[in-house]
C-alpha atoms as a PDB file:
ATOM      1  CA  MET A   1      -2.676  -9.353   5.831  1.00  0.00           C
ATOM      2  CA  ALA A   2      -4.779 -11.998   4.491  1.00  0.00           C
ATOM      3  CA  GLY A   3      -4.925 -15.180   6.497  1.00  0.00           C
ATOM      4  CA  ASP A   4      -1.421 -16.016   7.235  1.00  0.00           C
ATOM      5  CA  VAL A   5       0.449 -14.317   4.390  1.00  0.00           C
ATOM      6  CA  LEU A   6       1.640 -10.618   3.947  1.00  0.00           C
ATOM      7  CA  ASP A   7      -0.188  -9.338   0.894  1.00  0.00           C
ATOM      8  CA  VAL A   8       1.973  -6.733  -0.578  1.00  0.00           C
ATOM      9  CA  VAL A   9       5.424  -6.266   0.648  1.00  0.00           C
ATOM     10  CA  LEU A  10       7.491  -3.238  -0.607  1.00  0.00           C
ATOM     11  CA  LEU A  11      11.054  -4.071  -0.454  1.00  0.00           C
ATOM     12  CA  LEU A  12      13.116  -0.960  -0.162  1.00  0.00           C
ATOM     13  CA  ALA A  13      16.716  -0.083   0.134  1.00  0.00           C
ATOM     14  CA  LEU A  14      19.558   1.976  -1.353  1.00  0.00           C
ATOM     15  CA  PRO A  15      20.998   0.308  -4.593  1.00  0.00           C
ATOM     16  CA  ALA A  16      22.917  -2.878  -3.906  1.00  0.00           C
ATOM     17  CA  SER A  17      21.754  -3.246  -0.550  1.00  0.00           C
ATOM     18  CA  GLY A  18      20.791  -6.805  -1.074  1.00  0.00           C
ATOM     19  CA  LYS A  19      16.845  -6.401  -2.023  1.00  0.00           C
ATOM     20  CA  SER A  20      17.296  -8.517  -5.295  1.00  0.00           C
ATOM     21  CA  GLU A  21      19.473 -11.091  -3.407  1.00  0.00           C
ATOM     22  CA  VAL A  22      16.694 -11.374  -0.885  1.00  0.00           C
ATOM     23  CA  ARG A  23      14.302 -11.976  -3.302  1.00  0.00           C
ATOM     24  CA  ARG A  24      16.641 -14.729  -4.803  1.00  0.00           C
ATOM     25  CA  TYR A  25      16.762 -16.420  -1.582  1.00  0.00           C
ATOM     26  CA  MET A  26      13.133 -16.646  -0.937  1.00  0.00           C
ATOM     27  CA  LYS A  27      12.561 -18.173  -4.277  1.00  0.00           C
ATOM     28  CA  HIS A  28      14.632 -20.846  -3.311  1.00  0.00           C
ATOM     29  CA  LEU A  29      12.918 -21.811  -0.236  1.00  0.00           C
ATOM     30  CA  SER A  30       9.871 -24.263  -0.297  1.00  0.00           C
ATOM     31  CA  PRO A  31       6.277 -22.986  -0.286  1.00  0.00           C
ATOM     32  CA  GLU A  32       5.926 -24.338   3.052  1.00  0.00           C
ATOM     33  CA  LYS A  33       9.076 -22.739   4.866  1.00  0.00           C
ATOM     34  CA  ARG A  34       8.298 -19.354   2.926  1.00  0.00           C
ATOM     35  CA  ARG A  35       4.705 -19.386   4.409  1.00  0.00           C
ATOM     36  CA  LYS A  36       5.418 -20.949   7.922  1.00  0.00           C
ATOM     37  CA  GLU A  37       8.683 -18.782   8.707  1.00  0.00           C
ATOM     38  CA  PHE A  38       8.531 -15.676   6.624  1.00  0.00           C
ATOM     39  CA  PHE A  39       4.641 -15.265   6.128  1.00  0.00           C
ATOM     40  CA  MET A  40       4.861 -15.071   2.371  1.00  0.00           C
ATOM     41  CA  GLY A  41       2.815 -16.770  -0.082  1.00  0.00           C
ATOM     42  CA  PRO A  42       3.890 -17.773  -3.655  1.00  0.00           C
ATOM     43  CA  SER A  43       5.650 -14.408  -4.767  1.00  0.00           C
ATOM     44  CA  VAL A  44       4.425 -12.114  -7.604  1.00  0.00           C
ATOM     45  CA  GLN A  45       7.544  -9.393  -8.487  1.00  0.00           C
ATOM     46  CA  LEU A  46       7.495  -5.930  -9.681  1.00  0.00           C
ATOM     47  CA  ASP A  47      10.392  -3.763  -9.854  1.00  0.00           C
ATOM     48  CA  ASP A  48      10.927  -0.335 -11.576  1.00  0.00           C
ATOM     49  CA  PHE A  49      14.662  -1.053 -12.693  1.00  0.00           C
ATOM     50  CA  PRO A  50      13.458  -2.627 -16.100  1.00  0.00           C
ATOM     51  CA  TYR A  51      11.845   1.016 -17.070  1.00  0.00           C
ATOM     52  CA  VAL A  52      15.008   3.030 -15.693  1.00  0.00           C
ATOM     53  CA  HIS A  53      16.879   0.687 -18.127  1.00  0.00           C
ATOM     54  CA  MET A  54      14.661   1.281 -21.066  1.00  0.00           C
ATOM     55  CA  MET A  55      14.762   5.092 -20.337  1.00  0.00           C
ATOM     56  CA  ARG A  56      18.631   4.796 -20.541  1.00  0.00           C
ATOM     57  CA  ARG A  57      18.251   2.772 -23.921  1.00  0.00           C
ATOM     58  CA  ILE A  58      15.706   5.195 -25.439  1.00  0.00           C
ATOM     59  CA  ASP A  59      18.382   8.044 -24.564  1.00  0.00           C
ATOM     60  CA  ASP A  60      20.923   5.999 -26.144  1.00  0.00           C
ATOM     61  CA  GLU A  61      19.091   5.626 -29.432  1.00  0.00           C
ATOM     62  CA  ILE A  62      18.204   9.118 -29.560  1.00  0.00           C
ATOM     63  CA  VAL A  63      21.800  10.445 -29.117  1.00  0.00           C
ATOM     64  CA  SER A  64      22.787   8.080 -31.762  1.00  0.00           C
ATOM     65  CA  ARG A  65      20.756  10.059 -34.109  1.00  0.00           C
ATOM     66  CA  GLY A  66      22.172  13.418 -33.178  1.00  0.00           C
ATOM     67  CA  LYS A  67      19.307  14.441 -30.717  1.00  0.00           C
ATOM     68  CA  ALA A  68      19.315  15.591 -26.832  1.00  0.00           C
ATOM     69  CA  ARG A  69      18.721  12.889 -24.253  1.00  0.00           C
ATOM     70  CA  LEU A  70      15.118  13.121 -22.970  1.00  0.00           C
ATOM     71  CA  PHE A  71      15.524  11.244 -19.537  1.00  0.00           C
ATOM     72  CA  PHE A  72      19.032  11.383 -18.345  1.00  0.00           C
ATOM     73  CA  GLN A  73      21.577  14.225 -18.141  1.00  0.00           C
ATOM     74  CA  SER A  74      24.305  11.882 -19.621  1.00  0.00           C
ATOM     75  CA  PRO A  75      24.544   7.952 -19.455  1.00  0.00           C
ATOM     76  CA  GLU A  76      26.466   8.628 -16.120  1.00  0.00           C
ATOM     77  CA  ARG A  77      24.515  11.320 -14.409  1.00  0.00           C
ATOM     78  CA  PRO A  78      20.774  11.574 -12.852  1.00  0.00           C
ATOM     79  CA  PHE A  79      17.340  12.135 -14.426  1.00  0.00           C
ATOM     80  CA  ARG A  80      17.084  15.516 -16.257  1.00  0.00           C
ATOM     81  CA  ASP A  81      13.593  15.839 -14.386  1.00  0.00           C
ATOM     82  CA  PRO A  82      13.717  14.278 -10.865  1.00  0.00           C
ATOM     83  CA  LEU A  83       9.818  14.052 -11.188  1.00  0.00           C
ATOM     84  CA  ASP A  84      10.520  10.644 -13.138  1.00  0.00           C
ATOM     85  CA  TRP A  85      10.975   9.112  -9.654  1.00  0.00           C
ATOM     86  CA  GLY A  86       7.121   9.717  -9.824  1.00  0.00           C
ATOM     87  CA  THR A  87       6.978   8.376 -13.442  1.00  0.00           C
ATOM     88  CA  LEU A  88       8.298   5.224 -12.206  1.00  0.00           C
ATOM     89  CA  ILE A  89       5.748   4.731  -9.469  1.00  0.00           C
ATOM     90  CA  HIS A  90       2.573   5.360 -11.923  1.00  0.00           C
ATOM     91  CA  LEU A  91       4.213   2.644 -14.384  1.00  0.00           C
ATOM     92  CA  LEU A  92       4.269   0.159 -11.144  1.00  0.00           C
ATOM     93  CA  ASN A  93       0.645   1.095 -10.363  1.00  0.00           C
ATOM     94  CA  GLU A  94      -0.132   0.096 -14.117  1.00  0.00           C
ATOM     95  CA  ASP A  95       1.676  -2.847 -13.840  1.00  0.00           C
ATOM     96  CA  TYR A  96      -0.520  -4.001 -10.607  1.00  0.00           C
ATOM     97  CA  GLU A  97      -3.867  -2.980 -12.365  1.00  0.00           C
ATOM     98  CA  ALA A  98      -2.680  -4.948 -15.321  1.00  0.00           C
ATOM     99  CA  PHE A  99      -3.022  -8.197 -13.003  1.00  0.00           C
ATOM    100  CA  SER A 100      -6.783  -8.130 -13.072  1.00  0.00           C
ATOM    101  CA  ALA A 101      -7.574  -6.267 -16.481  1.00  0.00           C
ATOM    102  CA  ARG A 102      -8.895  -7.650 -19.518  1.00  0.00           C
ATOM    103  CA  ALA A 103      -6.668  -8.532 -22.425  1.00  0.00           C
ATOM    104  CA  GLY A 104      -6.445  -5.939 -24.978  1.00  0.00           C
ATOM    105  CA  LYS A 105      -5.037  -6.071 -28.805  1.00  0.00           C
ATOM    106  CA  GLU A 106      -1.612  -7.330 -28.889  1.00  0.00           C
ATOM    107  CA  PRO A 107       0.459  -4.569 -30.020  1.00  0.00           C
ATOM    108  CA  SER A 108       2.131  -4.160 -33.426  1.00  0.00           C
ATOM    109  CA  SER A 109       4.992  -2.610 -31.737  1.00  0.00           C
ATOM    110  CA  ALA A 110       5.827  -2.954 -27.794  1.00  0.00           C
ATOM    111  CA  ALA A 111       8.384  -0.084 -27.914  1.00  0.00           C
ATOM    112  CA  LEU A 112       5.673   2.503 -29.321  1.00  0.00           C
ATOM    113  CA  LEU A 113       3.292   1.379 -26.591  1.00  0.00           C
ATOM    114  CA  LEU A 114       5.952   1.710 -23.902  1.00  0.00           C
ATOM    115  CA  PHE A 115       6.555   5.112 -25.114  1.00  0.00           C
ATOM    116  CA  ASP A 116       3.035   6.036 -24.603  1.00  0.00           C
ATOM    117  CA  ARG A 117       2.834   4.492 -21.176  1.00  0.00           C
ATOM    118  CA  ILE A 118       6.048   6.406 -20.259  1.00  0.00           C
ATOM    119  CA  ASP A 119       4.358   9.709 -21.508  1.00  0.00           C
ATOM    120  CA  ARG A 120       1.155   8.719 -19.740  1.00  0.00           C
ATOM    121  CA  ALA A 121       2.942   8.249 -16.399  1.00  0.00           C
ATOM    122  CA  SER A 122       5.085  11.356 -16.861  1.00  0.00           C
ATOM    123  CA  LYS A 123       2.213  13.588 -17.340  1.00  0.00           C
ATOM    124  CA  ALA A 124       0.367  12.114 -14.200  1.00  0.00           C
ATOM    125  CA  VAL A 125       3.204  13.607 -12.006  1.00  0.00           C
ATOM    126  CA  GLY A 126       3.579  16.943 -14.057  1.00  0.00           C
ATOM    127  CA  ALA A 127       6.297  16.143 -16.256  1.00  0.00           C
ATOM    128  CA  PRO A 128       6.050  16.523 -20.037  1.00  0.00           C
ATOM    129  CA  ALA A 129       5.164  14.066 -22.444  1.00  0.00           C
ATOM    130  CA  ARG A 130       8.590  14.054 -24.100  1.00  0.00           C
ATOM    131  CA  LEU A 131       8.305  10.872 -26.381  1.00  0.00           C
ATOM    132  CA  ALA A 132       4.916  12.413 -27.842  1.00  0.00           C
ATOM    133  CA  ALA A 133       6.887  15.576 -28.898  1.00  0.00           C
ATOM    134  CA  LEU A 134       9.336  13.451 -31.153  1.00  0.00           C
ATOM    135  CA  ASP A 135       8.780  13.640 -34.801  1.00  0.00           C
ATOM    136  CA  GLY A 136       7.299  10.193 -36.390  1.00  0.00           C
ATOM    137  CA  GLU A 137      10.449   9.389 -38.049  1.00  0.00           C
ATOM    138  CA  THR A 138      12.419   9.564 -35.028  1.00  0.00           C
ATOM    139  CA  ARG A 139       9.993   7.661 -32.825  1.00  0.00           C
ATOM    140  CA  GLN A 140      10.013   4.660 -35.427  1.00  0.00           C
ATOM    141  CA  ALA A 141      13.649   4.857 -35.655  1.00  0.00           C
ATOM    142  CA  ILE A 142      14.399   4.712 -31.845  1.00  0.00           C
ATOM    143  CA  ALA A 143      11.627   2.159 -31.539  1.00  0.00           C
ATOM    144  CA  GLY A 144      13.212  -0.499 -33.894  1.00  0.00           C
ATOM    145  CA  PRO A 145      16.582  -1.221 -31.798  1.00  0.00           C
ATOM    146  CA  ILE A 146      14.591  -1.511 -28.388  1.00  0.00           C
ATOM    147  CA  GLU A 147      11.686  -3.421 -29.775  1.00  0.00           C
ATOM    148  CA  HIS A 148      13.034  -6.964 -28.664  1.00  0.00           C
ATOM    149  CA  GLU A 149      13.613  -5.599 -24.930  1.00  0.00           C
ATOM    150  CA  ALA A 150      10.398  -3.798 -25.033  1.00  0.00           C
ATOM    151  CA  ARG A 151       8.477  -6.725 -26.012  1.00  0.00           C
ATOM    152  CA  GLU A 152       9.726  -8.756 -23.211  1.00  0.00           C
ATOM    153  CA  LEU A 153       8.717  -6.384 -20.703  1.00  0.00           C
ATOM    154  CA  TRP A 154       5.274  -6.204 -22.383  1.00  0.00           C
ATOM    155  CA  ASP A 155       5.031 -10.034 -22.270  1.00  0.00           C
ATOM    156  CA  GLU A 156       5.888  -9.812 -18.588  1.00  0.00           C
ATOM    157  CA  ARG A 157       3.558  -7.392 -17.425  1.00  0.00           C
ATOM    158  CA  LYS A 158       0.756  -7.021 -20.182  1.00  0.00           C
ATOM    159  CA  PRO A 159      -3.034  -6.816 -19.085  1.00  0.00           C
ATOM    160  CA  GLY A 160      -4.891  -9.946 -19.377  1.00  0.00           C
ATOM    161  CA  ARG A 161      -2.847 -12.551 -17.759  1.00  0.00           C
ATOM    162  CA  LYS A 162      -5.508 -12.784 -15.090  1.00  0.00           C
ATOM    163  CA  ILE A 163      -2.848 -13.119 -11.844  1.00  0.00           C
ATOM    164  CA  ASP A 164      -4.999 -13.834  -9.060  1.00  0.00           C
ATOM    165  CA  LEU A 165      -3.152 -12.552  -6.094  1.00  0.00           C
ATOM    166  CA  LYS A 166      -5.530 -14.112  -3.472  1.00  0.00           C
ATOM    167  CA  GLY A 167      -3.090 -16.374  -1.053  1.00  0.00           C
ATOM    168  CA  LYS A 168      -0.203 -14.844  -2.766  1.00  0.00           C
ATOM    169  CA  THR A 169       2.440 -12.225  -1.819  1.00  0.00           C
ATOM    170  CA  LEU A 170       3.303  -9.160  -4.230  1.00  0.00           C
ATOM    171  CA  VAL A 171       6.751  -7.853  -3.561  1.00  0.00           C
ATOM    172  CA  ILE A 172       7.452  -4.669  -5.249  1.00  0.00           C
ATOM    173  CA  GLU A 173      11.173  -3.537  -5.319  1.00  0.00           C
ATOM    174  CA  PHE A 174      12.395   0.045  -5.631  1.00  0.00           C
ATOM    175  CA  ALA A 175      15.090   2.153  -4.330  1.00  0.00           C
ATOM    176  CA  ARG A 176      14.642   6.011  -3.176  1.00  0.00           C
ATOM    177  CA  GLY A 177      17.141   8.570  -1.795  1.00  0.00           C
ATOM    178  CA  GLY A 178      18.484  12.140  -2.229  1.00  0.00           C
ATOM    179  CA  PRO A 179      21.850  13.820  -2.385  1.00  0.00           C
ATOM    180  CA  GLN A 180      24.430  13.358   0.008  1.00  0.00           C
ATOM    181  CA  GLY A 181      24.441  15.406   2.925  1.00  0.00           C
ATOM    182  CA  SER A 182      20.728  16.482   2.468  1.00  0.00           C
ATOM    183  CA  LYS A 183      18.745  17.708   5.396  1.00  0.00           C
ATOM    184  CA  MET A 184      15.529  15.796   6.252  1.00  0.00           C
ATOM    185  CA  PRO A 185      12.768  15.604   5.239  1.00  0.00           C
ATOM    186  CA  LEU A 186      13.896  15.305   1.646  1.00  0.00           C
ATOM    187  CA  PRO A 187      12.082  17.610  -0.674  1.00  0.00           C
ATOM    188  CA  ALA A 188       9.679  16.270  -3.260  1.00  0.00           C
ATOM    189  CA  PRO A 189      10.236  14.619  -5.655  1.00  0.00           C
ATOM    190  CA  PHE A 190      13.078  12.817  -3.874  1.00  0.00           C
ATOM    191  CA  GLY A 191      12.960  10.019  -0.989  1.00  0.00           C
ATOM    192  CA  TYR A 192      10.625   7.437  -0.215  1.00  0.00           C
ATOM    193  CA  ARG A 193       7.864   9.881   1.204  1.00  0.00           C
ATOM    194  CA  TYR A 194       7.159  11.405  -2.264  1.00  0.00           C
ATOM    195  CA  SER A 195       7.302   7.988  -4.149  1.00  0.00           C
ATOM    196  CA  LEU A 196       4.992   5.979  -1.488  1.00  0.00           C
ATOM    197  CA  ALA A 197       2.443   8.648  -1.688  1.00  0.00           C
ATOM    198  CA  LEU A 198       2.096   8.087  -5.333  1.00  0.00           C
ATOM    199  CA  LEU A 199       1.178   4.430  -5.113  1.00  0.00           C
ATOM    200  CA  SER A 200      -2.622   3.493  -5.724  1.00  0.00           C
ATOM    201  CA  LYS A 201      -5.053   3.507  -2.732  1.00  0.00           C
ATOM    202  CA  SER A 202      -5.436  -0.420  -3.366  1.00  0.00           C
ATOM    203  CA  LEU A 203      -1.700  -1.031  -2.781  1.00  0.00           C
ATOM    204  CA  LEU A 204      -1.432   1.171  -0.080  1.00  0.00           C
ATOM    205  CA  ASN A 205      -4.281  -0.563   1.747  1.00  0.00           C
ATOM    206  CA  LYS A 206      -2.615  -3.714   1.770  1.00  0.00           C
ATOM    207  CA  ALA A 207       1.276  -2.677   1.884  1.00  0.00           C
ATOM    208  CA  CYS A 208       4.039  -3.383   4.422  1.00  0.00           C
ATOM    209  CA  ILE A 209       7.588  -2.209   3.996  1.00  0.00           C
ATOM    210  CA  LEU A 210      10.775  -4.401   4.569  1.00  0.00           C
ATOM    211  CA  TYR A 211      13.609  -2.216   4.414  1.00  0.00           C
ATOM    212  CA  VAL A 212      17.159  -3.598   3.688  1.00  0.00           C
ATOM    213  CA  TRP A 213      19.336  -1.499   5.922  1.00  0.00           C
ATOM    214  CA  VAL A 214      22.568  -0.551   4.888  1.00  0.00           C
ATOM    215  CA  THR A 215      24.699   2.691   4.841  1.00  0.00           C
ATOM    216  CA  PRO A 216      25.145   4.907   1.890  1.00  0.00           C
ATOM    217  CA  GLU A 217      28.910   4.068   1.885  1.00  0.00           C
ATOM    218  CA  GLU A 218      28.058   0.122   2.220  1.00  0.00           C
ATOM    219  CA  SER A 219      25.826   0.839  -0.811  1.00  0.00           C
ATOM    220  CA  ARG A 220      28.350   2.369  -2.833  1.00  0.00           C
ATOM    221  CA  ARG A 221      30.714  -0.272  -2.066  1.00  0.00           C
ATOM    222  CA  LYS A 222      28.491  -3.113  -3.186  1.00  0.00           C
ATOM    223  CA  ASN A 223      27.345  -1.355  -6.154  1.00  0.00           C
ATOM    224  CA  GLU A 224      30.915  -1.305  -7.388  1.00  0.00           C
ATOM    225  CA  ASP A 225      31.360  -5.032  -6.573  1.00  0.00           C
ATOM    226  CA  ARG A 226      28.326  -6.213  -8.386  1.00  0.00           C
ATOM    227  CA  THR A 227      28.628  -4.113 -11.658  1.00  0.00           C
ATOM    228  CA  ASP A 228      28.890  -6.015 -14.758  1.00  0.00           C
ATOM    229  CA  PRO A 229      29.380  -3.632 -17.633  1.00  0.00           C
ATOM    230  CA  ASN A 230      28.438  -6.484 -20.096  1.00  0.00           C
ATOM    231  CA  ASN A 231      24.923  -6.830 -18.284  1.00  0.00           C
ATOM    232  CA  PRO A 232      23.428  -3.731 -18.039  1.00  0.00           C
ATOM    233  CA  GLY A 233      19.818  -4.756 -17.938  1.00  0.00           C
ATOM    234  CA  SER A 234      20.473  -7.328 -15.194  1.00  0.00           C
ATOM    235  CA  ILE A 235      18.481  -7.224 -11.959  1.00  0.00           C
ATOM    236  CA  LEU A 236      21.441  -8.645  -9.807  1.00  0.00           C
ATOM    237  CA  HIS A 237      24.329  -7.382 -11.821  1.00  0.00           C
ATOM    238  CA  HIS A 238      23.622  -3.803 -13.139  1.00  0.00           C
ATOM    239  CA  GLY A 239      25.697  -0.825 -12.021  1.00  0.00           C
ATOM    240  CA  VAL A 240      24.620   2.562 -10.950  1.00  0.00           C
ATOM    241  CA  PRO A 241      26.914   5.508 -11.918  1.00  0.00           C
ATOM    242  CA  ILE A 242      28.816   6.998  -9.137  1.00  0.00           C
ATOM    243  CA  ASP A 243      27.151  10.576  -9.670  1.00  0.00           C
ATOM    244  CA  VAL A 244      23.776   8.820  -9.358  1.00  0.00           C
ATOM    245  CA  MET A 245      24.891   7.159  -6.054  1.00  0.00           C
ATOM    246  CA  LEU A 246      26.025  10.398  -4.695  1.00  0.00           C
ATOM    247  CA  ASN A 247      23.190  12.688  -5.956  1.00  0.00           C
ATOM    248  CA  ASP A 248      20.173  10.360  -6.002  1.00  0.00           C
ATOM    249  CA  TYR A 249      21.204   7.998  -3.438  1.00  0.00           C
ATOM    250  CA  GLY A 250      23.873   9.760  -1.318  1.00  0.00           C
ATOM    251  CA  CYS A 251      21.237   9.298   1.720  1.00  0.00           C
ATOM    252  CA  ASP A 252      17.732   8.134   2.020  1.00  0.00           C
ATOM    253  CA  ASP A 253      14.710   9.342   4.464  1.00  0.00           C
ATOM    254  CA  MET A 254      13.776   5.810   6.070  1.00  0.00           C
ATOM    255  CA  ASP A 255      14.987   7.064   9.317  1.00  0.00           C
ATOM    256  CA  TRP A 256      13.263  10.436   9.228  1.00  0.00           C
ATOM    257  CA  LEU A 257       9.964   8.446   8.018  1.00  0.00           C
ATOM    258  CA  GLU A 258      10.056   6.034  10.985  1.00  0.00           C
ATOM    259  CA  ALA A 259      10.694   8.596  13.480  1.00  0.00           C
ATOM    260  CA  ASP A 260       7.959  11.056  12.194  1.00  0.00           C
ATOM    261  CA  ALA A 261       5.615   8.209  12.077  1.00  0.00           C
ATOM    262  CA  GLU A 262       2.240   8.588  13.815  1.00  0.00           C
ATOM    263  CA  ARG A 263       2.292   5.094  14.972  1.00  0.00           C
ATOM    264  CA  LYS A 264       5.305   3.015  16.241  1.00  0.00           C
ATOM    265  CA  GLY A 265       6.541   0.172  13.922  1.00  0.00           C
ATOM    266  CA  THR A 266       5.091   1.986  10.786  1.00  0.00           C
ATOM    267  CA  VAL A 267       5.664   4.736   8.127  1.00  0.00           C
ATOM    268  CA  THR A 268       3.011   7.436   7.754  1.00  0.00           C
ATOM    269  CA  VAL A 269       1.812   8.031   4.210  1.00  0.00           C
ATOM    270  CA  LYS A 270      -0.893  10.801   3.514  1.00  0.00           C
ATOM    271  CA  ALA A 271      -2.374  10.063   0.097  1.00  0.00           C
ATOM    272  CA  HIS A 272      -5.811   9.681  -1.566  1.00  0.00           C
ATOM    273  CA  ASN A 273      -7.449  11.974   0.926  1.00  0.00           C
ATOM    274  CA  LYS A 274      -6.278   9.493   3.605  1.00  0.00           C
ATOM    275  CA  THR A 275      -3.682   8.512   6.158  1.00  0.00           C
ATOM    276  CA  PHE A 276      -1.974   5.106   5.860  1.00  0.00           C
ATOM    277  CA  HIS A 277       0.181   3.458   8.404  1.00  0.00           C
ATOM    278  CA  LEU A 278       2.298   0.953   6.684  1.00  0.00           C
ATOM    279  CA  PRO A 279       3.939  -1.642   8.977  1.00  0.00           C
ATOM    280  CA  CYS A 280       7.741  -1.332   8.748  1.00  0.00           C
ATOM    281  CA  ALA A 281      10.870  -3.736   9.770  1.00  0.00           C
ATOM    282  CA  ARG A 282      14.375  -3.661   8.983  1.00  0.00           C
ATOM    283  CA  PHE A 283      16.597  -6.494   7.634  1.00  0.00           C
ATOM    284  CA  ASP A 284      20.094  -5.306   8.911  1.00  0.00           C
ATOM    285  CA  ASN A 285      22.537  -5.828   6.137  1.00  0.00           C
ATOM    286  CA  ARG A 286      25.061  -3.169   7.203  1.00  0.00           C
ATOM    287  CA  VAL A 287      27.499  -5.939   7.584  1.00  0.00           C
ATOM    288  CA  ASP A 288      27.121  -7.897   4.416  1.00  0.00           C
ATOM    289  CA  LYS A 289      24.762 -11.000   4.806  1.00  0.00           C
ATOM    290  CA  THR A 290      23.771 -11.221   1.105  1.00  0.00           C
ATOM    291  CA  SER A 291      26.284 -10.857  -1.554  1.00  0.00           C
ATOM    292  CA  PHE A 292      27.048 -14.665  -1.706  1.00  0.00           C
ATOM    293  CA  LEU A 293      23.658 -15.292  -2.900  1.00  0.00           C
ATOM    294  CA  ARG A 294      24.502 -14.067  -6.318  1.00  0.00           C
ATOM    295  CA  ALA A 295      26.627 -17.308  -6.825  1.00  0.00           C
ATOM    296  CA  GLU A 296      25.013 -20.465  -7.697  1.00  0.00           C
ATOM    297  CA  PRO A 297      22.999 -22.067  -4.795  1.00  0.00           C
ATOM    298  CA  LYS A 298      25.586 -25.215  -4.536  1.00  0.00           C
ATOM    299  CA  LYS A 299      28.258 -22.517  -3.336  1.00  0.00           C
ATOM    300  CA  TRP A 300      26.299 -21.140  -0.421  1.00  0.00           C
ATOM    301  CA  ARG A 301      27.850 -21.747   2.785  1.00  0.00           C
ATOM    302  CA  LYS A 302      25.381 -22.739   5.593  1.00  0.00           C
ATOM    303  CA  GLU A 303      26.508 -20.235   8.255  1.00  0.00           C
ATOM    304  CA  ASP A 304      25.900 -17.587   5.431  1.00  0.00           C
ATOM    305  CA  VAL A 305      22.555 -19.016   4.643  1.00  0.00           C
ATOM    306  CA  ALA A 306      21.557 -19.361   8.420  1.00  0.00           C
ATOM    307  CA  ALA A 307      22.560 -15.721   8.953  1.00  0.00           C
ATOM    308  CA  VAL A 308      20.335 -14.600   6.136  1.00  0.00           C
ATOM    309  CA  HIS A 309      17.376 -16.578   7.081  1.00  0.00           C
ATOM    310  CA  GLU A 310      17.422 -15.658  10.697  1.00  0.00           C
ATOM    311  CA  GLY A 311      17.555 -11.840   9.617  1.00  0.00           C
ATOM    312  CA  LEU A 312      14.796 -12.482   7.142  1.00  0.00           C
ATOM    313  CA  ARG A 313      12.569 -14.673   9.437  1.00  0.00           C
ATOM    314  CA  SER A 314      12.938 -12.009  12.452  1.00  0.00           C
ATOM    315  CA  ALA A 315      12.036  -8.818  10.299  1.00  0.00           C
ATOM    316  CA  LEU A 316       9.244 -10.671   8.381  1.00  0.00           C
ATOM    317  CA  SER A 317       7.604 -11.932  11.648  1.00  0.00           C
ATOM    318  CA  LYS A 318       7.577  -8.309  13.085  1.00  0.00           C
ATOM    319  CA  LEU A 319       5.818  -7.392   9.743  1.00  0.00           C
ATOM    320  CA  ALA A 320       3.279 -10.060  10.221  1.00  0.00           C
ATOM    321  CA  GLY A 321       2.494  -9.066  13.786  1.00  0.00           C
ATOM    322  CA  LEU A 322       2.212  -5.267  13.041  1.00  0.00           C
ATOM    323  CA  ALA A 323      -0.152  -6.181   9.917  1.00  0.00           C
ATOM    324  CA  ALA A 324      -2.333  -8.687  11.882  1.00  0.00           C
ATOM    325  CA  ALA A 325      -2.678  -6.037  14.557  1.00  0.00           C
ATOM    326  CA  ALA A 326      -3.836  -3.454  12.006  1.00  0.00           C
ATOM    327  CA  VAL A 327      -6.520  -5.444  10.527  1.00  0.00           C
END
């Protein structure tokens, strides 16, 4: 924690728990209120969902050319290789490093560059470089239809933007879990324990966790409610297939991580030959407080806003206290 704002907030929860709605609410607050009541500076956002979406887009294009999917078992099923939960974390690490990196040459194809990034991140966790194994004709053929989306993602996250994070709060959103009925601790590469340990040392040195707490059953209900099949790339309205909800997000390991922590109020992460104690607080959304935030702000009711505001204020105040004590 630098000064009176949190440096890095890992916004974690099961799908459809309210993470994106929380981000949306905080975006609508004045900078003064965010800093004074939530200990949040101007926010910079990262999320691994765009990479999941692009992996599915790549698979769809490959299948349309008569070849087998690379990343997912089917459009409605989980990853073929669960190590790709780690692939996503390494892509987020690259995004973080890009904030301070020098600008490079603009790629002639953002899609082909994305292929290289995915392969590099895959190899970092022991998964194969699947896109590099494609023949050149296929790579070019599938790059074309996804170029526009890949270019938008590149423009959002490319090196050379020189984003100064001083006085700001970096919010990194992702969801992790395991099959319904799993025993704890979840085995790698499932769960938060695995993915948190892959975050860069620089991020772990500054990070704290805001966990949006819902039950798996509530997560599945809200996922069904929010799904817009005509907008699969939307942060607020994408749907997760039910097979994935049951087998990747049927439970999570946050309860176990908090109970197993070496220090109360934290999650213990062992990585980079070091032990990190990440301050952790919960925003209780087991009774839905956040779905209304997907509507236009003029439709928000005062009593609903007050419930969200107080829940977030309480959780983030706890985080700020834990982070300040750890300095």
